[in-house]
C-alpha cells in the first residue's frame, strides 16, 4: 500500500492507496510544535484503527508547503515505518511542464494537483483549491501548468474580521436563511459564504475568458463541497485531488 501525505498550513491530509484505489483517509490539524515522535505515534495509531499494519506500507509520497514540518514528518515516517519518503519538489519527475517565471516558487501542492488533473480530467482546466488560501490554477489544453491566482481563504478572512471588529463574534460557516441577514450572525454567514461564492464565480469567469469556453473547473480542499452547493461553476468536486496526484507521481518515479 502507498501512504500519501499532503502537509498544508491548516491541515495535514493523509490517504492510503491499494493500487489506484483510495482507501482510508484522514485530515489532521497542522501543529508546528509537535515533534517527529508525536507525528509518528499519531500516524501509527490511525493505521492501527483502520486495521492496517505498518508492514503493509510499501511506499510514502509527500508534498509540503510548510518547510519546518517537512523534515519532522519525513523523520517520523522513517522511524515508525522504516521507509524513505519521496518528497515532491522541483527536481521530482511529474510529467508537467511548468510555465511559471520561477518554477521553484510554485507550491508543491499546486503542481501535484496539476498532475492529477492532467491524468484524470485533461485540460484546459482551472483548479480551485479551498485551503488556507483560495488558489486558482490554470492548466493548458496540453497539460502545462500556466500559473494562477491566490486569495485569502475563507478562514483567514473570517479571522481577520473577528480580530479587528470588537463587536463581531465568531460564527459557523453555514448557509444563512437568506442573503439579507436579519441578525449579525446571519449577516456574517452571508458575507463569508456568498461573498466567496461571488469571488469564485468571478475568477472562474476571468480564467475561462483566457483559457477558452471548454475549460473544466475542478474544486478541491476542505471547503470545496460547502461552496459548490451554492454555485454551478464548480463542475467537478475532487476533495482528495492532491492525494491522487501524489499517487500518480509516486508511480512515475518508480
Protein backbone atom coordinates (compact mmCIF):
# COMPACT_ATOMS: atom_id res chain seq x y z
CA UNK A 1 0.00 0.00 0.00
CA UNK A 2 1.05 3.60 -0.64
CA UNK A 3 0.74 6.25 2.08
CA UNK A 4 0.26 9.77 0.68
CA UNK A 5 0.71 12.88 2.83
CA UNK A 6 -0.18 16.47 1.97
CA UNK A 7 1.16 18.98 4.52
CA UNK A 8 -0.75 22.25 4.36
CA UNK A 9 -0.69 25.35 6.51
CA UNK A 10 -4.00 24.47 8.18
CA UNK A 11 -4.41 20.72 7.67
CA UNK A 12 -2.34 17.61 7.07
CA UNK A 13 -4.20 15.21 4.79
CA UNK A 14 -3.27 11.54 4.55
CA UNK A 15 -4.59 8.73 2.38
CA UNK A 16 -3.84 5.07 1.77
CA UNK A 17 -3.88 3.64 -1.75
CA UNK A 18 -4.17 -0.01 -2.66
CA UNK A 19 -3.21 0.24 -6.32
CA UNK A 20 -5.28 3.08 -7.79
CA UNK A 21 -7.98 2.77 -5.14
CA UNK A 22 -8.08 5.31 -2.31
CA UNK A 23 -8.94 3.68 0.99
CA UNK A 24 -8.83 5.23 4.48
CA UNK A 25 -8.03 8.94 4.59
CA UNK A 26 -7.64 11.46 7.35
CA UNK A 27 -7.41 15.23 7.95
CA UNK A 28 -5.37 16.47 10.91
CA UNK A 29 -4.77 19.98 12.21
CA UNK A 30 -1.29 21.23 11.32
CA UNK A 31 0.67 21.70 14.55
CA UNK A 32 4.11 23.21 14.14
CA UNK A 33 5.20 22.49 17.70
CA UNK A 34 4.75 18.71 17.51
CA UNK A 35 7.87 16.56 17.35
CA UNK A 36 8.61 13.66 14.96
CA UNK A 37 7.69 11.06 17.59
CA UNK A 38 4.32 12.72 18.19
CA UNK A 39 3.51 12.63 14.48
CA UNK A 40 4.81 9.08 14.16
CA UNK A 41 2.64 7.85 17.04
CA UNK A 42 -0.44 9.58 15.60
CA UNK A 43 0.10 8.08 12.16
CA UNK A 44 0.77 4.67 13.67
CA UNK A 45 -2.46 4.84 15.71
CA UNK A 46 -4.55 5.89 12.71
CA UNK A 47 -3.30 2.95 10.68
CA UNK A 48 -3.98 0.55 13.54
CA UNK A 49 -7.51 1.91 13.89
CA UNK A 50 -8.04 1.22 10.16
CA UNK A 51 -6.71 -2.32 10.58
CA UNK A 52 -3.52 -1.61 8.65
CA UNK A 53 -0.12 -2.88 9.78
CA UNK A 54 2.94 -0.63 9.29
CA UNK A 55 4.48 -3.53 7.36
CA UNK A 56 1.69 -3.13 4.77
CA UNK A 57 3.09 0.30 3.79
CA UNK A 58 5.27 -0.20 0.71
CA UNK A 59 5.94 3.46 -0.04
CA UNK A 60 5.32 7.01 1.15
CA UNK A 61 4.90 10.08 -1.07
CA UNK A 62 4.58 13.56 0.40
CA UNK A 63 4.00 17.17 -0.64
CA UNK A 64 4.54 20.03 1.77
CA UNK A 65 4.15 23.81 1.81
CA UNK A 66 5.33 24.01 5.43
CA UNK A 67 9.14 23.64 5.35
CA UNK A 68 9.58 23.41 9.16
CA UNK A 69 7.33 20.34 9.22
CA UNK A 70 8.70 18.58 6.14
CA UNK A 71 11.76 17.20 7.90
CA UNK A 72 9.86 16.32 11.06
CA UNK A 73 7.26 14.21 9.26
CA UNK A 74 9.89 12.68 6.99
CA UNK A 75 11.81 11.62 10.12
CA UNK A 76 8.61 10.26 11.70
CA UNK A 77 7.92 8.09 8.65
CA UNK A 78 11.48 6.78 8.56
CA UNK A 79 11.41 5.97 12.26
CA UNK A 80 7.94 4.41 12.52
CA UNK A 81 7.54 2.82 9.08
CA UNK A 82 11.19 2.27 8.17
CA UNK A 83 10.61 3.86 4.77
CA UNK A 84 12.33 6.61 2.84
CA UNK A 85 9.87 9.30 1.78
CA UNK A 86 9.51 10.65 -1.75
CA UNK A 87 9.13 14.38 -1.08
CA UNK A 88 7.83 16.21 -4.15
CA UNK A 89 9.99 19.20 -5.06
CA UNK A 90 11.32 20.99 -8.13
CA UNK A 91 13.54 18.03 -9.01
CA UNK A 92 10.82 15.38 -8.87
CA UNK A 93 9.62 13.80 -12.11
CA UNK A 94 5.99 14.88 -12.59
CA UNK A 95 5.40 14.90 -16.33
CA UNK A 96 4.20 18.52 -16.10
CA UNK A 97 5.79 21.42 -17.94
CA UNK A 98 5.78 24.37 -15.52
CA UNK A 99 5.46 27.65 -17.42
CA UNK A 100 5.82 29.88 -14.34
CA UNK A 101 8.51 32.56 -14.32
CA UNK A 102 10.22 30.82 -11.39
CA UNK A 103 9.14 27.14 -11.30
CA UNK A 104 10.72 26.69 -7.86
CA UNK A 105 8.34 29.30 -6.44
CA UNK A 106 5.24 27.21 -7.15
CA UNK A 107 3.87 25.35 -4.12
CA UNK A 108 4.30 21.59 -4.35
CA UNK A 109 0.60 21.03 -3.74
CA UNK A 110 -0.33 23.15 -6.77
CA UNK A 111 1.90 21.09 -9.06
CA UNK A 112 0.61 17.84 -7.58
CA UNK A 113 -2.97 18.99 -8.25
CA UNK A 114 -1.95 19.77 -11.84
CA UNK A 115 -0.57 16.25 -12.25
CA UNK A 116 -3.87 14.77 -11.06
CA UNK A 117 -5.95 16.97 -13.37
CA UNK A 118 -3.68 16.27 -16.34
CA UNK A 119 -4.11 12.50 -15.90
CA UNK A 120 -7.69 12.27 -14.66
CA UNK A 121 -9.59 15.09 -16.40
CA UNK A 122 -7.42 16.75 -19.04
CA UNK A 123 -7.04 20.41 -19.92
CA UNK A 124 -7.70 23.20 -20.29
CA UNK A 125 -8.75 23.41 -16.68
CA UNK A 126 -8.91 25.63 -13.62
CA UNK A 127 -8.31 24.08 -10.21
CA UNK A 128 -9.90 25.92 -7.30
CA UNK A 129 -8.33 24.82 -4.02
CA UNK A 130 -10.14 25.90 -0.85
CA UNK A 131 -7.32 25.76 1.69
CA UNK A 132 -5.63 28.30 3.94
CA UNK A 133 -5.61 30.43 0.81
CA UNK A 134 -8.10 30.01 -2.01
CA UNK A 135 -5.96 29.31 -5.06
CA UNK A 136 -6.89 29.22 -8.74
CA UNK A 137 -4.52 27.29 -11.01
CA UNK A 138 -4.58 27.30 -14.79
CA UNK A 139 -3.73 24.19 -16.82
CA UNK A 140 -3.44 24.37 -20.59
CA UNK A 141 -5.00 22.02 -23.12
CA UNK A 142 -1.57 20.32 -23.35
CA UNK A 143 -1.46 19.81 -19.57
CA UNK A 144 1.09 22.54 -18.83
CA UNK A 145 0.94 24.49 -15.59
CA UNK A 146 0.47 28.13 -16.60
CA UNK A 147 0.16 29.94 -13.29
CA UNK A 148 -2.79 31.19 -11.31
CA UNK A 149 -4.14 33.44 -8.61
CA UNK A 150 -4.05 33.38 -4.81
CA UNK A 151 -6.56 34.98 -2.47
CA UNK A 152 -7.07 34.70 1.30
CA UNK A 153 -9.04 31.63 2.31
CA UNK A 154 -12.45 31.90 3.94
CA UNK A 155 -10.96 31.03 7.33
CA UNK A 156 -8.30 33.74 7.10
CA UNK A 157 -10.85 36.34 6.02
CA UNK A 158 -13.15 35.39 8.89
CA UNK A 159 -10.35 35.50 11.49
CA UNK A 160 -9.20 38.92 10.26
CA UNK A 161 -12.73 40.25 10.54
CA UNK A 162 -13.34 38.84 14.02
CA UNK A 163 -9.98 40.03 15.36
CA UNK A 164 -10.40 43.60 14.05
CA UNK A 165 -14.07 44.12 14.93
CA UNK A 166 -14.69 44.02 18.68
CA UNK A 167 -18.47 43.55 18.39
CA UNK A 168 -18.35 40.68 15.91
CA UNK A 169 -18.32 37.14 17.33
CA UNK A 170 -17.16 34.01 15.55
CA UNK A 171 -19.82 32.11 13.61
CA UNK A 172 -20.05 28.72 11.96
CA UNK A 173 -19.58 28.74 8.20
CA UNK A 174 -23.05 27.51 7.31
CA UNK A 175 -25.72 28.76 4.91
CA UNK A 176 -27.90 31.52 6.41
CA UNK A 177 -31.66 31.57 5.74
CA UNK A 178 -31.25 34.35 3.16
CA UNK A 179 -28.63 36.59 1.59
CA UNK A 180 -30.00 39.53 3.54
CA UNK A 181 -29.10 38.68 7.12
CA UNK A 182 -31.60 39.88 9.73
CA UNK A 183 -29.20 39.46 12.62
CA UNK A 184 -25.43 39.75 12.98
CA UNK A 185 -24.80 36.00 12.84
CA UNK A 186 -26.70 35.58 9.58
CA UNK A 187 -25.16 38.74 8.13
CA UNK A 188 -21.67 37.39 8.80
CA UNK A 189 -22.52 33.98 7.37
CA UNK A 190 -23.98 35.60 4.26
CA UNK A 191 -20.95 37.80 3.68
CA UNK A 192 -18.46 34.98 4.20
CA UNK A 193 -20.22 32.25 2.23
CA UNK A 194 -21.93 34.15 -0.56
CA UNK A 195 -19.07 36.64 -0.77
CA UNK A 196 -16.69 33.79 -1.53
CA UNK A 197 -19.14 32.28 -3.99
CA UNK A 198 -19.06 35.60 -5.84
CA UNK A 199 -15.26 35.61 -5.72
CA UNK A 200 -15.10 32.10 -7.17
CA UNK A 201 -17.63 32.81 -9.91
CA UNK A 202 -15.84 35.99 -10.92
CA UNK A 203 -12.39 34.39 -11.03
CA UNK A 204 -13.62 31.33 -12.92
CA UNK A 205 -15.23 33.62 -15.49
CA UNK A 206 -11.96 35.51 -15.98
CA UNK A 207 -9.94 32.28 -16.27
CA UNK A 208 -12.40 30.96 -18.84
CA UNK A 209 -12.01 34.14 -20.87
CA UNK A 210 -8.27 33.34 -21.16
CA UNK A 211 -8.33 29.54 -21.37
CA UNK A 212 -11.45 29.16 -23.53
CA UNK A 213 -15.08 28.11 -23.04
CA UNK A 214 -14.17 24.41 -22.91
CA UNK A 215 -12.23 24.92 -19.66
CA UNK A 216 -13.08 22.41 -16.92
CA UNK A 217 -13.38 23.60 -13.33
CA UNK A 218 -12.22 21.26 -10.57
CA UNK A 219 -12.72 22.12 -6.90
CA UNK A 220 -10.69 20.61 -4.08
CA UNK A 221 -9.85 21.32 -0.44
CA UNK A 222 -11.77 21.07 2.80
CA UNK A 223 -14.47 23.64 1.96
CA UNK A 224 -14.99 22.69 -1.69
CA UNK A 225 -18.30 20.96 -1.07
CA UNK A 226 -19.65 23.80 1.12
CA UNK A 227 -19.07 26.36 -1.64
CA UNK A 228 -20.05 24.04 -4.51
CA UNK A 229 -23.60 23.72 -3.19
CA UNK A 230 -24.10 27.44 -3.83
CA UNK A 231 -22.82 27.67 -7.42
CA UNK A 232 -22.83 25.69 -10.64
CA UNK A 233 -19.42 26.89 -11.88
CA UNK A 234 -17.58 24.19 -9.90
CA UNK A 235 -18.13 21.27 -12.25
CA UNK A 236 -16.04 18.54 -10.62
CA UNK A 237 -15.68 18.15 -6.84
CA UNK A 238 -12.48 16.27 -6.00
CA UNK A 239 -11.73 16.69 -2.28
CA UNK A 240 -8.78 14.26 -2.43
CA UNK A 241 -7.24 15.60 -5.65
CA UNK A 242 -3.80 16.21 -4.13
CA UNK A 243 -3.62 12.66 -2.81
CA UNK A 244 -4.46 11.34 -6.29
CA UNK A 245 -1.64 13.46 -7.69
CA UNK A 246 0.81 12.06 -5.16
CA UNK A 247 -0.18 8.53 -6.15
CA UNK A 248 0.47 9.31 -9.81
CA UNK A 249 3.83 10.97 -9.05
CA UNK A 250 4.91 8.00 -6.95
CA UNK A 251 4.26 5.66 -9.89
CA UNK A 252 6.17 7.95 -12.27
CA UNK A 253 9.24 7.85 -10.05
CA UNK A 254 9.48 4.08 -9.58
